[in-house]
Amino acid sequence: MIGRPLIHVVDDDDSLRAALVRLLGEAGFETRAYASTGDFLLKRPEDRHGCLLLDVRMPGPSGLELQAALEHQGVHLPVIFLTGHADVISSVRAMKAGAVDFLSKPVPRDVLLGAIARALAVDEAQRRSREESDLLRARFALLTAREREVFDRIVAGRLNKQIADELGIGERTVKAQRAQVLAKLGVESVAELGRLAERLQSLTRG
């Protein structure tokens, strides 16, 4: 379950920060406010569904530096930049690093809420993808060493007889282990198994 979203607001402008918290509260969001990137890092938020509204220029580390630090730490919180000093270089850098949006202050309410909706959709999709990946890894870990050998040969297109010959076991044993592999991985066909194998390979590369 994804749960209620939490919006983090990081901006050194006290009046703007308070206005954003008020606006978001009126829109039904739970919010947390921080006066600096350091304040945000010190109060390292729990892993909750949500996003980050982040000023670009602040005393101390900038918003762009915080974005890079979160990426380095493996914190996958979608970022929306808010800035009174928009420039092409910062905007391009932010978007290349995965920012959902780069908005100039003052931001119209509907534009801000639209960006938040997109950020929350990104966060939800990423969370579901990570959950599916974790489940896939857990299921694959259930395979015995021999079942993994059978798995590798099935996805390589080997027939039961070929697998039996290569592993020096009976064809009936191969059929039984093939059934076990499909059951443990939660798939019903070799085609599904092939797609699952591709997903596992991408997780390994990632």
N, C-alpha and C. Protein backbone atom coordinates (compact mmCIF):
# COMPACT_ATOMS: atom_id res chain seq x y z
N MET A 1 0.84 -1.19 0.00
CA MET A 1 0.00 0.00 0.00
C MET A 1 0.88 1.25 0.00
N ILE A 2 0.59 2.21 -0.91
CA ILE A 2 1.42 3.40 -1.07
C ILE A 2 1.22 4.36 0.09
N GLY A 3 -0.01 4.61 0.50
CA GLY A 3 -0.27 5.49 1.65
C GLY A 3 -0.39 6.95 1.27
N ARG A 4 -0.72 7.77 2.28
CA ARG A 4 -0.91 9.21 2.08
C ARG A 4 0.41 9.88 1.76
N PRO A 5 0.43 10.76 0.74
CA PRO A 5 1.69 11.40 0.37
C PRO A 5 2.14 12.46 1.36
N LEU A 6 3.47 12.61 1.46
CA LEU A 6 4.10 13.61 2.31
C LEU A 6 4.95 14.51 1.42
N ILE A 7 4.67 15.83 1.47
CA ILE A 7 5.40 16.78 0.64
C ILE A 7 6.44 17.50 1.50
N HIS A 8 7.70 17.42 1.09
CA HIS A 8 8.79 18.11 1.79
C HIS A 8 9.06 19.44 1.09
N VAL A 9 9.15 20.51 1.87
CA VAL A 9 9.40 21.84 1.32
C VAL A 9 10.72 22.35 1.88
N VAL A 10 11.70 22.57 1.00
CA VAL A 10 13.01 23.08 1.42
C VAL A 10 13.24 24.44 0.77
N ASP A 11 13.19 25.50 1.59
CA ASP A 11 13.37 26.86 1.07
C ASP A 11 13.81 27.76 2.21
N ASP A 12 14.80 28.62 1.97
CA ASP A 12 15.29 29.48 3.04
C ASP A 12 14.44 30.73 3.26
N ASP A 13 13.48 30.98 2.37
CA ASP A 13 12.58 32.13 2.50
C ASP A 13 11.43 31.74 3.44
N ASP A 14 11.47 32.29 4.66
CA ASP A 14 10.49 31.90 5.68
C ASP A 14 9.06 32.15 5.24
N SER A 15 8.79 33.31 4.65
CA SER A 15 7.42 33.65 4.27
C SER A 15 6.93 32.76 3.13
N LEU A 16 7.80 32.49 2.17
CA LEU A 16 7.40 31.62 1.06
C LEU A 16 7.18 30.19 1.55
N ARG A 17 8.09 29.74 2.41
CA ARG A 17 7.97 28.38 2.95
C ARG A 17 6.64 28.22 3.69
N ALA A 18 6.27 29.21 4.49
CA ALA A 18 5.02 29.16 5.23
C ALA A 18 3.83 29.19 4.28
N ALA A 19 3.94 29.99 3.21
CA ALA A 19 2.85 30.08 2.24
C ALA A 19 2.66 28.75 1.52
N LEU A 20 3.76 28.10 1.18
CA LEU A 20 3.67 26.80 0.50
C LEU A 20 3.05 25.75 1.41
N VAL A 21 3.46 25.74 2.67
CA VAL A 21 2.91 24.79 3.62
C VAL A 21 1.41 25.02 3.77
N ARG A 22 1.00 26.27 3.83
CA ARG A 22 -0.42 26.60 3.97
C ARG A 22 -1.20 26.15 2.73
N LEU A 23 -0.66 26.47 1.55
CA LEU A 23 -1.32 26.10 0.30
C LEU A 23 -1.47 24.58 0.19
N LEU A 24 -0.41 23.87 0.49
CA LEU A 24 -0.44 22.41 0.38
C LEU A 24 -1.38 21.80 1.42
N GLY A 25 -1.41 22.40 2.62
CA GLY A 25 -2.33 21.91 3.64
C GLY A 25 -3.77 22.07 3.20
N GLU A 26 -4.07 23.22 2.58
CA GLU A 26 -5.43 23.47 2.08
C GLU A 26 -5.79 22.51 0.97
N ALA A 27 -4.76 22.04 0.23
CA ALA A 27 -4.99 21.08 -0.86
C ALA A 27 -5.09 19.65 -0.34
N GLY A 28 -4.93 19.47 0.99
CA GLY A 28 -5.10 18.15 1.59
C GLY A 28 -3.83 17.35 1.79
N PHE A 29 -2.66 17.98 1.60
CA PHE A 29 -1.40 17.26 1.74
C PHE A 29 -0.82 17.40 3.15
N GLU A 30 -0.11 16.38 3.57
CA GLU A 30 0.72 16.48 4.76
C GLU A 30 2.06 17.06 4.33
N THR A 31 2.61 17.99 5.10
CA THR A 31 3.85 18.64 4.69
C THR A 31 4.88 18.66 5.82
N ARG A 32 6.15 18.77 5.43
CA ARG A 32 7.26 19.01 6.35
C ARG A 32 8.08 20.14 5.74
N ALA A 33 8.50 21.11 6.56
CA ALA A 33 9.23 22.25 6.04
C ALA A 33 10.64 22.31 6.61
N TYR A 34 11.59 22.76 5.79
CA TYR A 34 12.99 22.84 6.17
C TYR A 34 13.56 24.15 5.64
N ALA A 35 14.40 24.82 6.44
CA ALA A 35 14.95 26.12 6.06
C ALA A 35 16.23 26.00 5.23
N SER A 36 16.78 24.80 5.14
CA SER A 36 18.03 24.62 4.38
C SER A 36 18.17 23.15 3.98
N THR A 37 19.09 22.90 3.05
CA THR A 37 19.37 21.52 2.66
C THR A 37 19.96 20.74 3.84
N GLY A 38 20.78 21.43 4.64
CA GLY A 38 21.37 20.78 5.81
C GLY A 38 20.31 20.36 6.80
N ASP A 39 19.30 21.21 6.99
CA ASP A 39 18.20 20.89 7.90
C ASP A 39 17.46 19.64 7.42
N PHE A 40 17.26 19.56 6.12
CA PHE A 40 16.58 18.39 5.55
C PHE A 40 17.40 17.13 5.79
N LEU A 41 18.70 17.20 5.55
CA LEU A 41 19.55 16.02 5.71
C LEU A 41 19.67 15.59 7.18
N LEU A 42 19.70 16.58 8.08
CA LEU A 42 19.79 16.26 9.51
C LEU A 42 18.52 15.56 10.01
N LYS A 43 17.38 15.94 9.43
CA LYS A 43 16.11 15.35 9.84
C LYS A 43 15.68 14.26 8.87
N ARG A 44 16.66 13.62 8.29
CA ARG A 44 16.47 12.58 7.26
C ARG A 44 15.07 11.95 7.37
N PRO A 45 14.19 12.28 6.42
CA PRO A 45 12.79 11.81 6.51
C PRO A 45 12.66 10.31 6.32
N GLU A 46 11.59 9.76 6.92
CA GLU A 46 11.31 8.35 6.73
C GLU A 46 10.92 8.09 5.29
N ASP A 47 10.99 6.85 4.90
CA ASP A 47 10.69 6.47 3.52
C ASP A 47 9.17 6.47 3.32
N ARG A 48 8.65 7.60 2.86
CA ARG A 48 7.22 7.76 2.66
C ARG A 48 6.94 8.16 1.21
N HIS A 49 5.77 7.76 0.73
CA HIS A 49 5.29 8.22 -0.57
C HIS A 49 5.20 9.74 -0.55
N GLY A 50 5.79 10.41 -1.53
CA GLY A 50 5.74 11.86 -1.56
C GLY A 50 6.69 12.44 -2.57
N CYS A 51 7.04 13.72 -2.38
CA CYS A 51 7.98 14.39 -3.27
C CYS A 51 8.63 15.55 -2.52
N LEU A 52 9.56 16.19 -3.20
CA LEU A 52 10.37 17.25 -2.58
C LEU A 52 10.26 18.53 -3.40
N LEU A 53 9.77 19.61 -2.76
CA LEU A 53 9.79 20.94 -3.36
C LEU A 53 11.07 21.61 -2.90
N LEU A 54 11.93 21.96 -3.82
CA LEU A 54 13.29 22.34 -3.46
C LEU A 54 13.73 23.64 -4.13
N ASP A 55 14.13 24.62 -3.30
CA ASP A 55 14.70 25.86 -3.83
C ASP A 55 16.07 25.55 -4.42
N VAL A 56 16.47 26.33 -5.41
CA VAL A 56 17.78 26.10 -6.04
C VAL A 56 18.90 26.78 -5.25
N ARG A 57 18.76 28.08 -5.01
CA ARG A 57 19.82 28.84 -4.34
C ARG A 57 19.45 29.09 -2.88
N MET A 58 20.32 28.59 -1.99
CA MET A 58 20.13 28.77 -0.56
C MET A 58 21.50 28.91 0.09
N PRO A 59 21.57 29.52 1.29
CA PRO A 59 22.85 29.54 2.01
C PRO A 59 23.31 28.10 2.27
N GLY A 60 24.58 27.87 2.11
CA GLY A 60 25.07 26.50 2.27
C GLY A 60 24.87 25.72 0.99
N PRO A 61 24.80 24.39 1.10
CA PRO A 61 24.61 23.56 -0.09
C PRO A 61 23.35 23.97 -0.86
N SER A 62 23.45 23.98 -2.18
CA SER A 62 22.33 24.38 -3.02
C SER A 62 21.34 23.23 -3.19
N GLY A 63 20.20 23.55 -3.78
CA GLY A 63 19.21 22.52 -4.07
C GLY A 63 19.76 21.47 -5.03
N LEU A 64 20.54 21.91 -6.01
CA LEU A 64 21.13 20.97 -6.96
C LEU A 64 22.10 20.02 -6.26
N GLU A 65 22.82 20.55 -5.27
CA GLU A 65 23.75 19.70 -4.51
C GLU A 65 22.99 18.70 -3.65
N LEU A 66 21.85 19.13 -3.11
CA LEU A 66 21.03 18.18 -2.34
C LEU A 66 20.47 17.10 -3.25
N GLN A 67 20.03 17.47 -4.43
CA GLN A 67 19.54 16.48 -5.39
C GLN A 67 20.60 15.42 -5.68
N ALA A 68 21.84 15.88 -5.88
CA ALA A 68 22.94 14.95 -6.16
C ALA A 68 23.23 14.07 -4.95
N ALA A 69 23.18 14.66 -3.74
CA ALA A 69 23.45 13.89 -2.52
C ALA A 69 22.40 12.81 -2.31
N LEU A 70 21.15 13.13 -2.57
CA LEU A 70 20.07 12.14 -2.40
C LEU A 70 20.24 10.99 -3.38
N GLU A 71 20.62 11.32 -4.60
CA GLU A 71 20.86 10.28 -5.60
C GLU A 71 22.00 9.37 -5.15
N HIS A 72 23.06 9.97 -4.63
CA HIS A 72 24.22 9.20 -4.15
C HIS A 72 23.83 8.29 -2.99
N GLN A 73 22.90 8.75 -2.14
CA GLN A 73 22.47 7.99 -0.97
C GLN A 73 21.37 6.98 -1.31
N GLY A 74 20.92 6.97 -2.56
CA GLY A 74 19.87 6.03 -2.95
C GLY A 74 18.49 6.44 -2.46
N VAL A 75 18.28 7.74 -2.23
CA VAL A 75 16.97 8.24 -1.82
C VAL A 75 16.20 8.63 -3.08
N HIS A 76 15.15 7.87 -3.39
CA HIS A 76 14.44 8.06 -4.65
C HIS A 76 13.19 8.92 -4.45
N LEU A 77 13.41 10.18 -4.09
CA LEU A 77 12.30 11.09 -3.84
C LEU A 77 12.21 12.07 -5.01
N PRO A 78 11.10 12.04 -5.79
CA PRO A 78 10.99 12.95 -6.93
C PRO A 78 11.14 14.41 -6.50
N VAL A 79 11.86 15.17 -7.31
CA VAL A 79 12.18 16.57 -6.97
C VAL A 79 11.49 17.53 -7.93
N ILE A 80 10.87 18.58 -7.36
CA ILE A 80 10.37 19.72 -8.13
C ILE A 80 11.17 20.93 -7.67
N PHE A 81 11.88 21.58 -8.58
CA PHE A 81 12.65 22.76 -8.22
C PHE A 81 11.79 24.02 -8.32
N LEU A 82 11.92 24.88 -7.31
CA LEU A 82 11.29 26.19 -7.31
C LEU A 82 12.42 27.21 -7.21
N THR A 83 12.44 28.18 -8.12
CA THR A 83 13.55 29.13 -8.08
C THR A 83 13.13 30.52 -8.50
N GLY A 84 13.75 31.49 -7.87
CA GLY A 84 13.58 32.88 -8.29
C GLY A 84 14.70 33.32 -9.19
N HIS A 85 15.61 32.40 -9.49
CA HIS A 85 16.80 32.72 -10.30
C HIS A 85 16.95 31.66 -11.41
N ALA A 86 15.93 31.53 -12.22
CA ALA A 86 15.96 30.50 -13.26
C ALA A 86 17.04 30.79 -14.29
N ASP A 87 17.78 29.77 -14.65
CA ASP A 87 18.74 29.88 -15.75
C ASP A 87 18.80 28.55 -16.47
N VAL A 88 19.18 28.61 -17.72
CA VAL A 88 19.14 27.42 -18.57
C VAL A 88 20.07 26.33 -18.05
N ILE A 89 21.26 26.70 -17.62
CA ILE A 89 22.23 25.70 -17.16
C ILE A 89 21.70 24.91 -15.97
N SER A 90 21.18 25.63 -14.98
CA SER A 90 20.64 24.96 -13.78
C SER A 90 19.45 24.08 -14.14
N SER A 91 18.59 24.61 -15.01
CA SER A 91 17.40 23.86 -15.41
C SER A 91 17.79 22.57 -16.11
N VAL A 92 18.71 22.65 -17.04
CA VAL A 92 19.14 21.46 -17.78
C VAL A 92 19.81 20.46 -16.84
N ARG A 93 20.65 20.96 -15.95
CA ARG A 93 21.33 20.08 -14.99
C ARG A 93 20.31 19.35 -14.11
N ALA A 94 19.32 20.10 -13.62
CA ALA A 94 18.31 19.51 -12.76
C ALA A 94 17.49 18.45 -13.47
N MET A 95 17.06 18.75 -14.70
CA MET A 95 16.21 17.81 -15.44
C MET A 95 17.00 16.57 -15.86
N LYS A 96 18.27 16.76 -16.22
CA LYS A 96 19.11 15.60 -16.57
C LYS A 96 19.31 14.69 -15.37
N ALA A 97 19.31 15.28 -14.17
CA ALA A 97 19.49 14.49 -12.94
C ALA A 97 18.17 13.88 -12.47
N GLY A 98 17.10 14.09 -13.23
CA GLY A 98 15.85 13.41 -12.93
C GLY A 98 14.76 14.25 -12.29
N ALA A 99 14.94 15.58 -12.21
CA ALA A 99 13.89 16.42 -11.63
C ALA A 99 12.61 16.29 -12.43
N VAL A 100 11.48 16.33 -11.74
CA VAL A 100 10.18 16.24 -12.41
C VAL A 100 9.83 17.55 -13.09
N ASP A 101 10.20 18.68 -12.45
CA ASP A 101 9.89 19.99 -13.02
C ASP A 101 10.84 21.04 -12.46
N PHE A 102 10.93 22.16 -13.16
CA PHE A 102 11.79 23.28 -12.76
C PHE A 102 10.94 24.53 -12.93
N LEU A 103 10.40 25.07 -11.83
CA LEU A 103 9.41 26.14 -11.88
C LEU A 103 9.98 27.45 -11.34
N SER A 104 9.59 28.54 -11.97
CA SER A 104 10.02 29.86 -11.53
C SER A 104 9.03 30.46 -10.54
N LYS A 105 9.55 31.07 -9.49
CA LYS A 105 8.71 31.76 -8.52
C LYS A 105 8.29 33.12 -9.09
N PRO A 106 7.09 33.60 -8.75
CA PRO A 106 6.04 32.90 -7.99
C PRO A 106 5.33 31.88 -8.88
N VAL A 107 4.97 30.75 -8.30
CA VAL A 107 4.36 29.66 -9.06
C VAL A 107 2.84 29.70 -8.89
N PRO A 108 2.07 29.77 -9.98
CA PRO A 108 0.62 29.72 -9.86
C PRO A 108 0.19 28.42 -9.18
N ARG A 109 -0.86 28.49 -8.39
CA ARG A 109 -1.33 27.33 -7.61
C ARG A 109 -1.57 26.12 -8.48
N ASP A 110 -2.28 26.30 -9.60
CA ASP A 110 -2.62 25.15 -10.44
C ASP A 110 -1.38 24.53 -11.08
N VAL A 111 -0.39 25.37 -11.40
CA VAL A 111 0.85 24.85 -11.99
C VAL A 111 1.61 24.02 -10.96
N LEU A 112 1.67 24.54 -9.73
CA LEU A 112 2.36 23.81 -8.67
C LEU A 112 1.68 22.49 -8.36
N LEU A 113 0.36 22.51 -8.21
CA LEU A 113 -0.36 21.29 -7.89
C LEU A 113 -0.28 20.27 -9.04
N GLY A 114 -0.23 20.77 -10.27
CA GLY A 114 -0.06 19.86 -11.41
C GLY A 114 1.29 19.18 -11.38
N ALA A 115 2.33 19.95 -11.04
CA ALA A 115 3.68 19.37 -10.94
C ALA A 115 3.75 18.36 -9.81
N ILE A 116 3.09 18.66 -8.69
CA ILE A 116 3.07 17.71 -7.57
C ILE A 116 2.36 16.43 -7.96
N ALA A 117 1.25 16.55 -8.68
CA ALA A 117 0.52 15.35 -9.13
C ALA A 117 1.42 14.47 -9.99
N ARG A 118 2.19 15.09 -10.89
CA ARG A 118 3.11 14.31 -11.74
C ARG A 118 4.21 13.66 -10.91
N ALA A 119 4.74 14.42 -9.94
CA ALA A 119 5.81 13.89 -9.09
C ALA A 119 5.31 12.71 -8.27
N LEU A 120 4.09 12.81 -7.74
CA LEU A 120 3.53 11.72 -6.94
C LEU A 120 3.27 10.48 -7.80
N ALA A 121 2.86 10.72 -9.06
CA ALA A 121 2.66 9.58 -9.97
C ALA A 121 3.98 8.88 -10.25
N VAL A 122 5.06 9.67 -10.42
CA VAL A 122 6.40 9.10 -10.63
C VAL A 122 6.81 8.29 -9.41
N ASP A 123 6.60 8.87 -8.23
CA ASP A 123 7.00 8.18 -7.00
C ASP A 123 6.24 6.88 -6.83
N GLU A 124 4.94 6.90 -7.10
CA GLU A 124 4.14 5.69 -6.95
C GLU A 124 4.61 4.60 -7.90
N ALA A 125 4.87 4.99 -9.15
CA ALA A 125 5.35 4.01 -10.15
C ALA A 125 6.70 3.43 -9.74
N GLN A 126 7.60 4.29 -9.25
CA GLN A 126 8.93 3.81 -8.84
C GLN A 126 8.83 2.87 -7.64
N ARG A 127 7.96 3.21 -6.69
CA ARG A 127 7.80 2.36 -5.51
C ARG A 127 7.24 1.00 -5.89
N ARG A 128 6.25 0.98 -6.76
CA ARG A 128 5.69 -0.30 -7.19
C ARG A 128 6.73 -1.13 -7.94
N SER A 129 7.54 -0.46 -8.75
CA SER A 129 8.59 -1.17 -9.48
C SER A 129 9.62 -1.77 -8.53
N ARG A 130 9.99 -1.01 -7.48
CA ARG A 130 10.96 -1.53 -6.50
C ARG A 130 10.37 -2.70 -5.73
N GLU A 131 9.07 -2.61 -5.40
CA GLU A 131 8.42 -3.71 -4.68
C GLU A 131 8.41 -4.97 -5.54
N GLU A 132 8.09 -4.81 -6.83
CA GLU A 132 8.08 -5.95 -7.74
C GLU A 132 9.48 -6.55 -7.90
N SER A 133 10.48 -5.68 -7.95
CA SER A 133 11.86 -6.16 -8.08
C SER A 133 12.29 -6.92 -6.83
N ASP A 134 11.93 -6.41 -5.67
CA ASP A 134 12.27 -7.09 -4.41
C ASP A 134 11.59 -8.46 -4.34
N LEU A 135 10.33 -8.52 -4.78
CA LEU A 135 9.60 -9.79 -4.78
C LEU A 135 10.25 -10.78 -5.74
N LEU A 136 10.65 -10.29 -6.90
CA LEU A 136 11.30 -11.15 -7.89
C LEU A 136 12.61 -11.72 -7.35
N ARG A 137 13.41 -10.87 -6.72
CA ARG A 137 14.67 -11.35 -6.13
C ARG A 137 14.41 -12.40 -5.05
N ALA A 138 13.38 -12.15 -4.23
CA ALA A 138 13.06 -13.08 -3.15
C ALA A 138 12.62 -14.43 -3.71
N ARG A 139 11.82 -14.40 -4.77
CA ARG A 139 11.38 -15.66 -5.38
C ARG A 139 12.55 -16.41 -6.01
N PHE A 140 13.43 -15.68 -6.68
CA PHE A 140 14.58 -16.34 -7.32
C PHE A 140 15.49 -16.97 -6.28
N ALA A 141 15.59 -16.34 -5.12
CA ALA A 141 16.44 -16.86 -4.04
C ALA A 141 15.92 -18.20 -3.51
N LEU A 142 14.64 -18.51 -3.79
CA LEU A 142 14.07 -19.78 -3.32
C LEU A 142 14.53 -20.97 -4.15
N LEU A 143 15.06 -20.70 -5.35
CA LEU A 143 15.50 -21.80 -6.23
C LEU A 143 16.75 -22.48 -5.66
N THR A 144 16.76 -23.80 -5.76
CA THR A 144 17.96 -24.53 -5.37
C THR A 144 19.02 -24.36 -6.47
N ALA A 145 20.25 -24.78 -6.18
CA ALA A 145 21.32 -24.67 -7.17
C ALA A 145 20.97 -25.44 -8.45
N ARG A 146 20.40 -26.63 -8.31
CA ARG A 146 20.03 -27.43 -9.47
C ARG A 146 18.88 -26.78 -10.24
N GLU A 147 17.91 -26.22 -9.49
CA GLU A 147 16.79 -25.55 -10.16
C GLU A 147 17.27 -24.32 -10.93
N ARG A 148 18.31 -23.66 -10.45
CA ARG A 148 18.86 -22.52 -11.19
C ARG A 148 19.53 -22.99 -12.47
N GLU A 149 20.18 -24.16 -12.41
CA GLU A 149 20.78 -24.72 -13.62
C GLU A 149 19.70 -25.05 -14.65
N VAL A 150 18.60 -25.60 -14.18
CA VAL A 150 17.47 -25.90 -15.07
C VAL A 150 16.88 -24.61 -15.61
N PHE A 151 16.72 -23.61 -14.74
CA PHE A 151 16.20 -22.30 -15.14
C PHE A 151 17.04 -21.71 -16.28
N ASP A 152 18.37 -21.69 -16.10
CA ASP A 152 19.26 -21.12 -17.10
C ASP A 152 19.09 -21.81 -18.45
N ARG A 153 18.91 -23.11 -18.43
CA ARG A 153 18.81 -23.86 -19.68
C ARG A 153 17.43 -23.72 -20.32
N ILE A 154 16.41 -23.57 -19.51
CA ILE A 154 15.06 -23.34 -20.07
C ILE A 154 15.03 -22.02 -20.82
N VAL A 155 15.55 -20.96 -20.18
CA VAL A 155 15.49 -19.65 -20.83
C VAL A 155 16.45 -19.57 -22.01
N ALA A 156 17.43 -20.49 -22.07
CA ALA A 156 18.33 -20.55 -23.22
C ALA A 156 17.71 -21.34 -24.37
N GLY A 157 16.51 -21.89 -24.15
CA GLY A 157 15.78 -22.58 -25.21
C GLY A 157 16.03 -24.07 -25.30
N ARG A 158 16.67 -24.66 -24.27
CA ARG A 158 16.93 -26.10 -24.29
C ARG A 158 15.63 -26.89 -24.06
N LEU A 159 15.54 -28.04 -24.71
CA LEU A 159 14.43 -28.96 -24.48
C LEU A 159 14.73 -29.81 -23.25
N ASN A 160 13.69 -30.45 -22.70
CA ASN A 160 13.87 -31.27 -21.50
C ASN A 160 14.95 -32.33 -21.70
N LYS A 161 14.94 -32.99 -22.86
CA LYS A 161 15.91 -34.05 -23.13
C LYS A 161 17.33 -33.49 -23.15
N GLN A 162 17.50 -32.30 -23.77
CA GLN A 162 18.82 -31.67 -23.83
C GLN A 162 19.31 -31.29 -22.43
N ILE A 163 18.39 -30.78 -21.61
CA ILE A 163 18.75 -30.40 -20.24
C ILE A 163 19.17 -31.64 -19.45
N ALA A 164 18.41 -32.72 -19.64
CA ALA A 164 18.72 -33.97 -18.94
C ALA A 164 20.11 -34.47 -19.32
N ASP A 165 20.43 -34.42 -20.60
CA ASP A 165 21.74 -34.88 -21.07
C ASP A 165 22.86 -34.00 -20.52
N GLU A 166 22.65 -32.67 -20.53
CA GLU A 166 23.69 -31.76 -20.08
C GLU A 166 23.96 -31.89 -18.58
N LEU A 167 22.90 -32.13 -17.81
CA LEU A 167 23.04 -32.20 -16.36
C LEU A 167 23.24 -33.62 -15.84
N GLY A 168 23.11 -34.60 -16.73
CA GLY A 168 23.31 -35.98 -16.32
C GLY A 168 22.21 -36.49 -15.40
N ILE A 169 20.97 -36.07 -15.64
CA ILE A 169 19.84 -36.50 -14.83
C ILE A 169 18.74 -37.01 -15.74
N GLY A 170 17.73 -37.64 -15.18
CA GLY A 170 16.64 -38.17 -15.97
C GLY A 170 15.71 -37.08 -16.48
N GLU A 171 15.07 -37.35 -17.61
CA GLU A 171 14.15 -36.38 -18.19
C GLU A 171 12.95 -36.14 -17.27
N ARG A 172 12.54 -37.20 -16.57
CA ARG A 172 11.43 -37.04 -15.63
C ARG A 172 11.81 -36.07 -14.50
N THR A 173 13.07 -36.15 -14.07
CA THR A 173 13.55 -35.24 -13.02
C THR A 173 13.56 -33.81 -13.53
N VAL A 174 13.96 -33.63 -14.78
CA VAL A 174 13.96 -32.30 -15.39
C VAL A 174 12.55 -31.73 -15.41
N LYS A 175 11.57 -32.55 -15.80
CA LYS A 175 10.18 -32.09 -15.85
C LYS A 175 9.69 -31.65 -14.47
N ALA A 176 10.08 -32.43 -13.45
CA ALA A 176 9.67 -32.10 -12.09
C ALA A 176 10.30 -30.79 -11.63
N GLN A 177 11.60 -30.62 -11.94
CA GLN A 177 12.28 -29.40 -11.52
C GLN A 177 11.81 -28.19 -12.33
N ARG A 178 11.47 -28.43 -13.58
CA ARG A 178 10.91 -27.37 -14.42
C ARG A 178 9.61 -26.84 -13.79
N ALA A 179 8.78 -27.79 -13.34
CA ALA A 179 7.51 -27.42 -12.70
C ALA A 179 7.78 -26.64 -11.41
N GLN A 180 8.79 -27.04 -10.66
CA GLN A 180 9.15 -26.35 -9.42
C GLN A 180 9.62 -24.93 -9.70
N VAL A 181 10.42 -24.78 -10.76
CA VAL A 181 10.93 -23.45 -11.13
C VAL A 181 9.77 -22.51 -11.46
N LEU A 182 8.84 -22.99 -12.28
CA LEU A 182 7.69 -22.18 -12.67
C LEU A 182 6.86 -21.80 -11.45
N ALA A 183 6.65 -22.78 -10.56
CA ALA A 183 5.82 -22.53 -9.37
C ALA A 183 6.49 -21.53 -8.43
N LYS A 184 7.79 -21.71 -8.18
CA LYS A 184 8.48 -20.81 -7.25
C LYS A 184 8.57 -19.39 -7.78
N LEU A 185 8.68 -19.25 -9.09
CA LEU A 185 8.80 -17.92 -9.68
C LEU A 185 7.44 -17.31 -10.01
N GLY A 186 6.37 -18.07 -9.81
CA GLY A 186 5.03 -17.53 -9.99
C GLY A 186 4.64 -17.27 -11.43
N VAL A 187 5.16 -18.11 -12.36
CA VAL A 187 4.79 -17.97 -13.77
C VAL A 187 4.20 -19.28 -14.26
N GLU A 188 3.54 -19.23 -15.43
CA GLU A 188 2.83 -20.41 -15.93
C GLU A 188 3.34 -20.89 -17.27
N SER A 189 4.24 -20.14 -17.89
CA SER A 189 4.71 -20.53 -19.22
C SER A 189 6.18 -20.18 -19.39
N VAL A 190 6.78 -20.80 -20.40
CA VAL A 190 8.19 -20.53 -20.71
C VAL A 190 8.34 -19.09 -21.20
N ALA A 191 7.33 -18.58 -21.91
CA ALA A 191 7.39 -17.20 -22.40
C ALA A 191 7.46 -16.23 -21.22
N GLU A 192 6.64 -16.45 -20.20
CA GLU A 192 6.67 -15.62 -19.00
C GLU A 192 8.02 -15.75 -18.30
N LEU A 193 8.55 -16.97 -18.30
CA LEU A 193 9.84 -17.22 -17.66
C LEU A 193 10.94 -16.43 -18.37
N GLY A 194 10.84 -16.35 -19.70
CA GLY A 194 11.83 -15.61 -20.47
C GLY A 194 11.79 -14.12 -20.14
N ARG A 195 10.58 -13.57 -20.01
CA ARG A 195 10.46 -12.15 -19.66
C ARG A 195 11.00 -11.90 -18.25
N LEU A 196 10.73 -12.84 -17.36
CA LEU A 196 11.22 -12.73 -15.99
C LEU A 196 12.75 -12.78 -15.97
N ALA A 197 13.34 -13.64 -16.80
CA ALA A 197 14.80 -13.75 -16.86
C ALA A 197 15.41 -12.44 -17.35
N GLU A 198 14.77 -11.78 -18.32
CA GLU A 198 15.26 -10.50 -18.80
C GLU A 198 15.21 -9.46 -17.69
N ARG A 199 14.13 -9.51 -16.90
CA ARG A 199 14.00 -8.56 -15.78
C ARG A 199 15.10 -8.80 -14.75
N LEU A 200 15.39 -10.06 -14.46
CA LEU A 200 16.45 -10.38 -13.52
C LEU A 200 17.80 -9.89 -14.01
N GLN A 201 18.04 -10.05 -15.30
CA GLN A 201 19.31 -9.59 -15.88
C GLN A 201 19.44 -8.08 -15.77
N SER A 202 18.33 -7.35 -16.00
CA SER A 202 18.37 -5.89 -15.91
C SER A 202 18.61 -5.46 -14.46
N LEU A 203 18.05 -6.21 -13.49
CA LEU A 203 18.27 -5.89 -12.08
C LEU A 203 19.73 -6.11 -11.71
N THR A 204 20.32 -7.16 -12.25
CA THR A 204 21.73 -7.46 -11.98
C THR A 204 22.63 -6.38 -12.54
N ARG A 205 22.30 -5.94 -13.78
CA ARG A 205 23.09 -4.88 -14.41
C ARG A 205 22.92 -3.57 -13.64
N GLY A 206 21.68 -3.33 -13.11
CA GLY A 206 21.42 -2.09 -12.38
C GLY A 206 22.13 -2.04 -11.08
